[in-house]
Amino acid sequence: MIELMRTTNPATIAFATALLRGEDIDCFVFDVHTSVLEGSLGVLPQRLMVARDQAFLARAVLRDNDLGAELTPERRG
């Protein structure tokens, strides 16, 4: 799995997850419980992850829905 985005905004994560699932792209949110344990201060970001073979399509879906600025930069290699 690779990271698509990292944010402290739960609405952004929920919106992105709904968009991806609407396109039948499997995704998973990491660090949900960690952010809850820190006391809901919004300090620790959550990460939205997808399978490597679906990353290109997932990034396109998020860009098309004005979430391009939220995307984690692509890593080469």
C-alpha atoms as a PDB file:
ATOM      1  CA  MET A   1       0.000   0.000   0.000  1.00  0.00           C
ATOM      2  CA  ILE A   2       1.095   3.553  -0.619  1.00  0.00           C
ATOM      3  CA  GLU A   3       0.111   6.812   1.000  1.00  0.00           C
ATOM      4  CA  LEU A   4      -2.173   9.114  -1.004  1.00  0.00           C
ATOM      5  CA  MET A   5      -2.692  11.816   1.569  1.00  0.00           C
ATOM      6  CA  ARG A   6      -1.914  12.768   5.144  1.00  0.00           C
ATOM      7  CA  THR A   7      -4.147  15.223   6.939  1.00  0.00           C
ATOM      8  CA  THR A   8      -5.544  16.194  10.316  1.00  0.00           C
ATOM      9  CA  ASN A   9      -8.891  17.110   8.736  1.00  0.00           C
ATOM     10  CA  PRO A  10     -11.348  14.217   9.233  1.00  0.00           C
ATOM     11  CA  ALA A  11     -13.788  15.710   6.695  1.00  0.00           C
ATOM     12  CA  THR A  12     -11.127  15.576   3.966  1.00  0.00           C
ATOM     13  CA  ILE A  13     -10.359  11.940   4.766  1.00  0.00           C
ATOM     14  CA  ALA A  14     -14.069  11.043   4.751  1.00  0.00           C
ATOM     15  CA  PHE A  15     -14.673  12.846   1.444  1.00  0.00           C
ATOM     16  CA  ALA A  16     -11.652  11.250  -0.236  1.00  0.00           C
ATOM     17  CA  THR A  17     -12.601   7.808   1.057  1.00  0.00           C
ATOM     18  CA  ALA A  18     -16.157   8.171  -0.260  1.00  0.00           C
ATOM     19  CA  LEU A  19     -14.889   9.288  -3.671  1.00  0.00           C
ATOM     20  CA  LEU A  20     -12.501   6.355  -3.967  1.00  0.00           C
ATOM     21  CA  ARG A  21     -15.006   3.774  -2.796  1.00  0.00           C
ATOM     22  CA  GLY A  22     -17.514   5.219  -5.267  1.00  0.00           C
ATOM     23  CA  GLU A  23     -15.038   4.335  -8.009  1.00  0.00           C
ATOM     24  CA  ASP A  24     -14.464   0.827  -6.555  1.00  0.00           C
ATOM     25  CA  ILE A  25     -10.946   1.702  -5.438  1.00  0.00           C
ATOM     26  CA  ASP A  26     -10.040  -0.069  -2.205  1.00  0.00           C
ATOM     27  CA  CYS A  27      -8.594   2.291   0.381  1.00  0.00           C
ATOM     28  CA  PHE A  28      -7.776   2.215   4.055  1.00  0.00           C
ATOM     29  CA  VAL A  29      -7.250   4.961   6.631  1.00  0.00           C
ATOM     30  CA  PHE A  30      -4.186   4.468   8.839  1.00  0.00           C
ATOM     31  CA  ASP A  31      -3.628   6.089  12.234  1.00  0.00           C
ATOM     32  CA  VAL A  32      -7.309   6.522  13.103  1.00  0.00           C
ATOM     33  CA  HIS A  33      -6.878   5.132  16.601  1.00  0.00           C
ATOM     34  CA  THR A  34      -3.635   7.026  17.161  1.00  0.00           C
ATOM     35  CA  SER A  35      -5.339  10.339  16.499  1.00  0.00           C
ATOM     36  CA  VAL A  36      -8.138   9.390  18.930  1.00  0.00           C
ATOM     37  CA  LEU A  37      -5.637   8.463  21.650  1.00  0.00           C
ATOM     38  CA  GLU A  38      -3.914  11.835  21.480  1.00  0.00           C
ATOM     39  CA  GLY A  39      -7.082  13.428  22.782  1.00  0.00           C
ATOM     40  CA  SER A  40      -8.731  14.646  19.582  1.00  0.00           C
ATOM     41  CA  LEU A  41      -6.517  17.718  19.474  1.00  0.00           C
ATOM     42  CA  GLY A  42      -5.981  17.242  15.751  1.00  0.00           C
ATOM     43  CA  VAL A  43      -2.213  17.117  16.071  1.00  0.00           C
ATOM     44  CA  LEU A  44      -1.559  13.681  14.590  1.00  0.00           C
ATOM     45  CA  PRO A  45      -2.531  13.229  10.941  1.00  0.00           C
ATOM     46  CA  GLN A  46      -4.390  10.285   9.478  1.00  0.00           C
ATOM     47  CA  ARG A  47      -3.089   8.654   6.291  1.00  0.00           C
ATOM     48  CA  LEU A  48      -5.209   7.492   3.354  1.00  0.00           C
ATOM     49  CA  MET A  49      -3.650   4.428   1.721  1.00  0.00           C
ATOM     50  CA  VAL A  50      -4.335   2.523  -1.522  1.00  0.00           C
ATOM     51  CA  ALA A  51      -2.824  -0.449  -3.290  1.00  0.00           C
ATOM     52  CA  ARG A  52       0.116   0.473  -5.501  1.00  0.00           C
ATOM     53  CA  ASP A  53      -1.638  -0.736  -8.665  1.00  0.00           C
ATOM     54  CA  GLN A  54      -4.611   1.563  -7.992  1.00  0.00           C
ATOM     55  CA  ALA A  55      -2.619   4.666  -7.036  1.00  0.00           C
ATOM     56  CA  PHE A  56      -2.610   6.314 -10.471  1.00  0.00           C
ATOM     57  CA  LEU A  57      -6.396   6.080 -10.819  1.00  0.00           C
ATOM     58  CA  ALA A  58      -6.942   7.096  -7.189  1.00  0.00           C
ATOM     59  CA  ARG A  59      -4.814  10.221  -7.635  1.00  0.00           C
ATOM     60  CA  ALA A  60      -6.740  11.119 -10.785  1.00  0.00           C
ATOM     61  CA  VAL A  61     -10.083  10.759  -8.990  1.00  0.00           C
ATOM     62  CA  LEU A  62      -8.950  12.980  -6.128  1.00  0.00           C
ATOM     63  CA  ARG A  63      -7.482  15.606  -8.469  1.00  0.00           C
ATOM     64  CA  ASP A  64     -10.717  15.687 -10.478  1.00  0.00           C
ATOM     65  CA  ASN A  65     -12.580  16.450  -7.246  1.00  0.00           C
ATOM     66  CA  ASP A  66     -10.346  19.339  -6.129  1.00  0.00           C
ATOM     67  CA  LEU A  67      -8.264  17.359  -3.644  1.00  0.00           C
ATOM     68  CA  GLY A  68      -5.034  17.532  -5.637  1.00  0.00           C
ATOM     69  CA  ALA A  69      -3.434  19.940  -3.166  1.00  0.00           C
ATOM     70  CA  GLU A  70      -3.978  17.402  -0.375  1.00  0.00           C
ATOM     71  CA  LEU A  71      -2.107  14.581  -2.136  1.00  0.00           C
ATOM     72  CA  THR A  72       1.201  13.337  -0.787  1.00  0.00           C
ATOM     73  CA  PRO A  73       3.946  13.837  -3.393  1.00  0.00           C
ATOM     74  CA  GLU A  74       4.649  10.721  -5.448  1.00  0.00           C
ATOM     75  CA  ARG A  75       7.774   8.803  -4.586  1.00  0.00           C
ATOM     76  CA  ARG A  76       9.875   7.345  -7.351  1.00  0.00           C
ATOM     77  CA  GLY A  77      11.599   4.014  -6.980  1.00  0.00           C
END
